[in-house]
Protein backbone atom coordinates (compact mmCIF):
# COMPACT_ATOMS: atom_id res chain seq x y z
CA MET A 1 -13.02 1.40 -20.74
CA ILE A 2 -15.18 3.82 -22.71
CA GLU A 3 -12.08 5.35 -24.27
CA TYR A 4 -10.89 1.96 -25.54
CA MET A 5 -14.27 1.10 -26.95
CA LYS A 6 -14.46 4.50 -28.69
CA GLU A 7 -11.07 3.89 -30.27
CA GLU A 8 -12.29 0.69 -31.85
CA ARG A 9 -15.74 1.70 -33.00
CA GLN A 10 -15.80 5.47 -33.43
CA PRO A 11 -12.29 6.96 -33.26
CA GLU A 12 -13.47 10.34 -34.64
CA ARG A 13 -15.91 10.88 -31.73
CA ILE A 14 -14.88 13.23 -28.92
CA LEU A 15 -15.98 12.14 -25.44
CA TYR A 16 -16.91 14.56 -22.69
CA LEU A 17 -17.36 13.61 -19.05
CA ALA A 18 -20.04 15.67 -17.22
CA VAL A 19 -19.28 16.08 -13.48
CA PRO A 20 -21.34 17.79 -10.81
CA VAL A 21 -19.40 20.66 -9.25
CA SER A 22 -19.51 19.01 -5.79
CA VAL A 23 -17.94 15.79 -7.12
CA TYR A 24 -15.30 17.73 -9.04
CA GLY A 25 -14.22 19.61 -5.93
CA LYS A 26 -14.00 16.46 -3.77
CA PHE A 27 -12.77 13.78 -6.11
CA PHE A 28 -11.47 15.14 -9.44
CA MET A 29 -8.95 17.45 -7.73
CA LEU A 30 -7.13 14.48 -6.19
CA PRO A 31 -3.62 14.10 -7.68
CA PHE A 32 -4.08 10.59 -9.04
CA VAL A 33 -7.34 11.52 -10.72
CA GLN A 34 -5.69 14.58 -12.32
CA THR A 35 -3.00 12.21 -13.63
CA VAL A 36 -5.62 9.95 -15.22
CA ILE A 37 -7.41 12.98 -16.72
CA LYS A 38 -4.15 14.17 -18.31
CA ARG A 39 -3.06 10.67 -19.42
CA PHE A 40 -6.31 9.96 -21.24
CA GLN A 41 -6.96 13.59 -22.23
CA ILE A 42 -10.42 13.54 -20.73
CA ILE A 43 -12.50 16.65 -21.38
CA LEU A 44 -14.57 17.59 -18.38
CA ILE A 45 -17.82 19.56 -18.26
CA ILE A 46 -18.46 20.81 -14.77
CA TYR A 47 -22.05 21.65 -14.04
CA ASP A 48 -24.33 22.77 -11.19
CA PRO A 49 -27.16 20.19 -10.98
CA VAL A 50 -29.29 22.54 -8.77
CA GLY A 51 -29.04 25.55 -11.00
CA GLU A 52 -28.91 23.40 -14.12
CA VAL A 53 -26.07 25.36 -15.62
CA LEU A 54 -22.65 24.54 -17.09
CA LEU A 55 -19.91 26.09 -15.08
CA GLU A 56 -16.77 25.19 -16.86
CA TRP A 57 -15.24 23.14 -19.73
CA LYS A 58 -11.81 21.68 -19.00
CA ASN A 59 -9.70 20.38 -21.88
């Protein structure tokens, strides 16, 4: 829904989705989630909430 709203109001804006590393490993690696990420070209930022560091950017 955010992607559709962005297209209408601020099409030039790039959206990033910040995901804790534990959630990425359990949920975002599922095949259907990977399909959605590719379909909507979601840029992920994977971070460690305990260490408070960014681990990876995925385009």
